[in-house]
Amino acid sequence: MIDMAVKKQSDIYNVIGKNIKKYRKRKGLKQRELAEALYLSDSFIAKLESITHQTISIDTLEDIAEVLDCDIRDFFDRDVMEDSKK
């Protein structure tokens, strides 16, 4: 039961990371530029966008959404996982 919960948690972070990367690229920003705009480290953004498990607060997600001109709910769109399989 615990393994399933950990997998679900890992999956949602993967979805969030892929969506952040999608919206960052749409905006034409490099990871470094997004990090600077948010006063975060480059490595934090890189880990967030990769499969490396990285926790993130709702406040930080809201800040990222604001910089990327999208809604925080967009980061939870699982369709990005289907797009990456194509």
N, C-alpha and C. Protein backbone atom coordinates (compact mmCIF):
# COMPACT_ATOMS: atom_id res chain seq x y z
N MET A 1 0.83 -1.20 0.00
CA MET A 1 0.00 0.00 0.00
C MET A 1 0.87 1.26 0.00
N ILE A 2 1.93 1.26 0.79
CA ILE A 2 2.81 2.42 0.87
C ILE A 2 3.54 2.63 -0.46
N ASP A 3 3.96 1.52 -1.10
CA ASP A 3 4.64 1.63 -2.38
C ASP A 3 3.78 2.34 -3.42
N MET A 4 2.48 2.05 -3.42
CA MET A 4 1.57 2.70 -4.37
C MET A 4 1.46 4.19 -4.09
N ALA A 5 1.41 4.57 -2.84
CA ALA A 5 1.32 5.99 -2.46
C ALA A 5 2.59 6.72 -2.89
N VAL A 6 3.73 6.10 -2.70
CA VAL A 6 5.00 6.72 -3.10
C VAL A 6 5.04 6.87 -4.61
N LYS A 7 4.58 5.86 -5.35
CA LYS A 7 4.57 5.92 -6.81
C LYS A 7 3.64 7.05 -7.29
N LYS A 8 2.46 7.16 -6.69
CA LYS A 8 1.54 8.23 -7.08
C LYS A 8 2.15 9.60 -6.82
N GLN A 9 2.81 9.74 -5.67
CA GLN A 9 3.45 11.01 -5.33
C GLN A 9 4.56 11.32 -6.34
N SER A 10 5.34 10.32 -6.67
CA SER A 10 6.42 10.49 -7.64
C SER A 10 5.85 10.85 -9.00
N ASP A 11 4.75 10.20 -9.38
CA ASP A 11 4.11 10.48 -10.67
C ASP A 11 3.65 11.93 -10.77
N ILE A 12 3.04 12.45 -9.71
CA ILE A 12 2.54 13.82 -9.78
C ILE A 12 3.68 14.82 -9.87
N TYR A 13 4.79 14.55 -9.19
CA TYR A 13 5.94 15.44 -9.32
C TYR A 13 6.50 15.39 -10.74
N ASN A 14 6.46 14.23 -11.36
CA ASN A 14 6.90 14.09 -12.74
C ASN A 14 6.01 14.89 -13.68
N VAL A 15 4.69 14.81 -13.47
CA VAL A 15 3.73 15.57 -14.27
C VAL A 15 3.98 17.07 -14.10
N ILE A 16 4.13 17.51 -12.87
CA ILE A 16 4.38 18.93 -12.59
C ILE A 16 5.66 19.38 -13.28
N GLY A 17 6.71 18.60 -13.14
CA GLY A 17 8.00 18.95 -13.75
C GLY A 17 7.93 19.06 -15.26
N LYS A 18 7.28 18.10 -15.90
CA LYS A 18 7.15 18.12 -17.36
C LYS A 18 6.34 19.33 -17.82
N ASN A 19 5.30 19.67 -17.06
CA ASN A 19 4.49 20.83 -17.42
C ASN A 19 5.24 22.14 -17.21
N ILE A 20 6.00 22.24 -16.15
CA ILE A 20 6.81 23.44 -15.94
C ILE A 20 7.77 23.62 -17.11
N LYS A 21 8.41 22.53 -17.51
CA LYS A 21 9.34 22.58 -18.64
C LYS A 21 8.61 23.02 -19.91
N LYS A 22 7.42 22.47 -20.15
CA LYS A 22 6.64 22.81 -21.34
C LYS A 22 6.32 24.31 -21.37
N TYR A 23 5.83 24.84 -20.26
CA TYR A 23 5.46 26.25 -20.22
C TYR A 23 6.68 27.17 -20.23
N ARG A 24 7.77 26.72 -19.62
CA ARG A 24 9.01 27.51 -19.65
C ARG A 24 9.51 27.64 -21.09
N LYS A 25 9.50 26.54 -21.82
CA LYS A 25 9.96 26.57 -23.21
C LYS A 25 9.03 27.42 -24.08
N ARG A 26 7.73 27.31 -23.82
CA ARG A 26 6.75 28.14 -24.55
C ARG A 26 7.03 29.62 -24.36
N LYS A 27 7.45 29.95 -23.17
CA LYS A 27 7.76 31.34 -22.82
C LYS A 27 9.12 31.76 -23.37
N GLY A 28 9.92 30.78 -23.83
CA GLY A 28 11.23 31.08 -24.40
C GLY A 28 12.31 31.34 -23.36
N LEU A 29 12.13 30.76 -22.17
CA LEU A 29 13.08 30.96 -21.08
C LEU A 29 13.99 29.74 -20.91
N LYS A 30 15.22 30.00 -20.56
CA LYS A 30 16.15 28.94 -20.16
C LYS A 30 15.90 28.67 -18.67
N GLN A 31 16.34 27.51 -18.20
CA GLN A 31 16.17 27.19 -16.78
C GLN A 31 16.78 28.27 -15.90
N ARG A 32 17.95 28.75 -16.29
CA ARG A 32 18.65 29.78 -15.52
C ARG A 32 17.80 31.04 -15.43
N GLU A 33 17.17 31.43 -16.54
CA GLU A 33 16.36 32.65 -16.56
C GLU A 33 15.13 32.52 -15.66
N LEU A 34 14.50 31.35 -15.70
CA LEU A 34 13.36 31.12 -14.82
C LEU A 34 13.80 31.16 -13.36
N ALA A 35 14.91 30.50 -13.08
CA ALA A 35 15.43 30.48 -11.71
C ALA A 35 15.72 31.90 -11.21
N GLU A 36 16.37 32.69 -12.04
CA GLU A 36 16.69 34.07 -11.65
C GLU A 36 15.44 34.89 -11.39
N ALA A 37 14.43 34.72 -12.23
CA ALA A 37 13.18 35.47 -12.06
C ALA A 37 12.49 35.14 -10.74
N LEU A 38 12.74 33.93 -10.25
CA LEU A 38 12.09 33.45 -9.02
C LEU A 38 13.01 33.47 -7.81
N TYR A 39 14.26 33.94 -8.00
CA TYR A 39 15.26 33.91 -6.92
C TYR A 39 15.47 32.49 -6.39
N LEU A 40 15.51 31.53 -7.33
CA LEU A 40 15.76 30.13 -7.01
C LEU A 40 17.06 29.71 -7.69
N SER A 41 17.56 28.56 -7.33
CA SER A 41 18.79 28.08 -7.96
C SER A 41 18.48 27.36 -9.28
N ASP A 42 19.45 27.38 -10.18
CA ASP A 42 19.32 26.66 -11.44
C ASP A 42 19.08 25.18 -11.18
N SER A 43 19.79 24.65 -10.20
CA SER A 43 19.69 23.22 -9.91
C SER A 43 18.29 22.85 -9.40
N PHE A 44 17.64 23.76 -8.68
CA PHE A 44 16.28 23.49 -8.22
C PHE A 44 15.35 23.32 -9.41
N ILE A 45 15.43 24.22 -10.38
CA ILE A 45 14.58 24.14 -11.57
C ILE A 45 14.92 22.88 -12.36
N ALA A 46 16.21 22.59 -12.52
CA ALA A 46 16.63 21.39 -13.25
C ALA A 46 16.07 20.13 -12.60
N LYS A 47 16.16 20.04 -11.29
CA LYS A 47 15.64 18.86 -10.58
C LYS A 47 14.12 18.79 -10.69
N LEU A 48 13.48 19.92 -10.62
CA LEU A 48 12.04 19.97 -10.72
C LEU A 48 11.57 19.44 -12.08
N GLU A 49 12.28 19.78 -13.13
CA GLU A 49 11.90 19.38 -14.49
C GLU A 49 12.35 17.97 -14.84
N SER A 50 13.25 17.41 -14.06
CA SER A 50 13.76 16.07 -14.38
C SER A 50 12.97 15.02 -13.61
N ILE A 51 13.39 13.79 -13.75
CA ILE A 51 12.72 12.72 -13.02
C ILE A 51 13.21 12.62 -11.58
N THR A 52 14.16 13.47 -11.22
CA THR A 52 14.64 13.51 -9.85
C THR A 52 13.50 14.02 -8.97
N HIS A 53 13.16 13.27 -7.95
CA HIS A 53 12.05 13.66 -7.07
C HIS A 53 12.41 14.95 -6.34
N GLN A 54 11.60 15.96 -6.51
CA GLN A 54 11.82 17.26 -5.88
C GLN A 54 10.49 17.77 -5.35
N THR A 55 10.41 18.00 -4.07
CA THR A 55 9.18 18.55 -3.52
C THR A 55 9.13 20.04 -3.80
N ILE A 56 7.92 20.57 -3.81
CA ILE A 56 7.74 21.99 -4.10
C ILE A 56 6.50 22.49 -3.37
N SER A 57 6.56 23.70 -2.89
CA SER A 57 5.42 24.27 -2.18
C SER A 57 4.41 24.85 -3.17
N ILE A 58 3.19 24.96 -2.71
CA ILE A 58 2.14 25.58 -3.52
C ILE A 58 2.50 27.03 -3.82
N ASP A 59 3.07 27.73 -2.85
CA ASP A 59 3.48 29.12 -3.06
C ASP A 59 4.48 29.24 -4.21
N THR A 60 5.45 28.33 -4.24
CA THR A 60 6.45 28.36 -5.31
C THR A 60 5.81 28.02 -6.65
N LEU A 61 4.90 27.06 -6.65
CA LEU A 61 4.18 26.74 -7.90
C LEU A 61 3.40 27.95 -8.40
N GLU A 62 2.77 28.68 -7.49
CA GLU A 62 2.04 29.89 -7.88
C GLU A 62 2.99 30.93 -8.47
N ASP A 63 4.17 31.08 -7.87
CA ASP A 63 5.16 32.04 -8.38
C ASP A 63 5.63 31.64 -9.77
N ILE A 64 5.89 30.34 -9.97
CA ILE A 64 6.32 29.86 -11.28
C ILE A 64 5.23 30.10 -12.31
N ALA A 65 3.99 29.78 -11.96
CA ALA A 65 2.86 30.00 -12.88
C ALA A 65 2.76 31.46 -13.28
N GLU A 66 2.96 32.35 -12.33
CA GLU A 66 2.89 33.79 -12.62
C GLU A 66 3.96 34.20 -13.63
N VAL A 67 5.20 33.74 -13.41
CA VAL A 67 6.29 34.07 -14.32
C VAL A 67 6.04 33.48 -15.71
N LEU A 68 5.46 32.28 -15.76
CA LEU A 68 5.24 31.60 -17.04
C LEU A 68 3.90 31.96 -17.68
N ASP A 69 3.17 32.88 -17.08
CA ASP A 69 1.86 33.31 -17.60
C ASP A 69 0.90 32.15 -17.84
N CYS A 70 0.80 31.29 -16.83
CA CYS A 70 -0.17 30.20 -16.92
C CYS A 70 -0.85 30.06 -15.56
N ASP A 71 -1.79 29.16 -15.49
CA ASP A 71 -2.52 28.91 -14.25
C ASP A 71 -1.85 27.74 -13.53
N ILE A 72 -1.79 27.80 -12.23
CA ILE A 72 -1.17 26.73 -11.45
C ILE A 72 -1.79 25.38 -11.78
N ARG A 73 -3.07 25.36 -12.12
CA ARG A 73 -3.74 24.09 -12.45
C ARG A 73 -3.14 23.44 -13.70
N ASP A 74 -2.55 24.26 -14.58
CA ASP A 74 -1.94 23.72 -15.79
C ASP A 74 -0.80 22.75 -15.47
N PHE A 75 -0.16 22.92 -14.33
CA PHE A 75 0.97 22.07 -13.95
C PHE A 75 0.52 20.64 -13.60
N PHE A 76 -0.77 20.45 -13.35
CA PHE A 76 -1.29 19.14 -12.96
C PHE A 76 -1.93 18.39 -14.13
N ASP A 77 -1.82 18.92 -15.33
CA ASP A 77 -2.41 18.32 -16.53
C ASP A 77 -1.62 17.07 -16.92
N ARG A 78 -2.24 15.92 -16.77
CA ARG A 78 -1.57 14.65 -17.06
C ARG A 78 -1.42 14.38 -18.55
N ASP A 79 -2.06 15.16 -19.40
CA ASP A 79 -1.93 14.97 -20.84
C ASP A 79 -0.48 15.14 -21.30
N VAL A 80 0.31 15.87 -20.55
CA VAL A 80 1.72 16.07 -20.91
C VAL A 80 2.45 14.73 -20.93
N MET A 81 2.02 13.79 -20.10
CA MET A 81 2.65 12.47 -20.07
C MET A 81 2.35 11.72 -21.37
N GLU A 82 1.15 11.88 -21.89
CA GLU A 82 0.81 11.25 -23.16
C GLU A 82 1.57 11.89 -24.31
N ASP A 83 1.72 13.22 -24.26
CA ASP A 83 2.46 13.94 -25.29
C ASP A 83 3.91 13.48 -25.35
N SER A 84 4.50 13.21 -24.20
CA SER A 84 5.91 12.82 -24.16
C SER A 84 6.13 11.39 -24.66
N LYS A 85 5.06 10.60 -24.72
CA LYS A 85 5.17 9.22 -25.22
C LYS A 85 5.07 9.15 -26.73
N LYS A 86 4.58 10.22 -27.35
CA LYS A 86 4.39 10.23 -28.81
C LYS A 86 5.71 10.39 -29.52
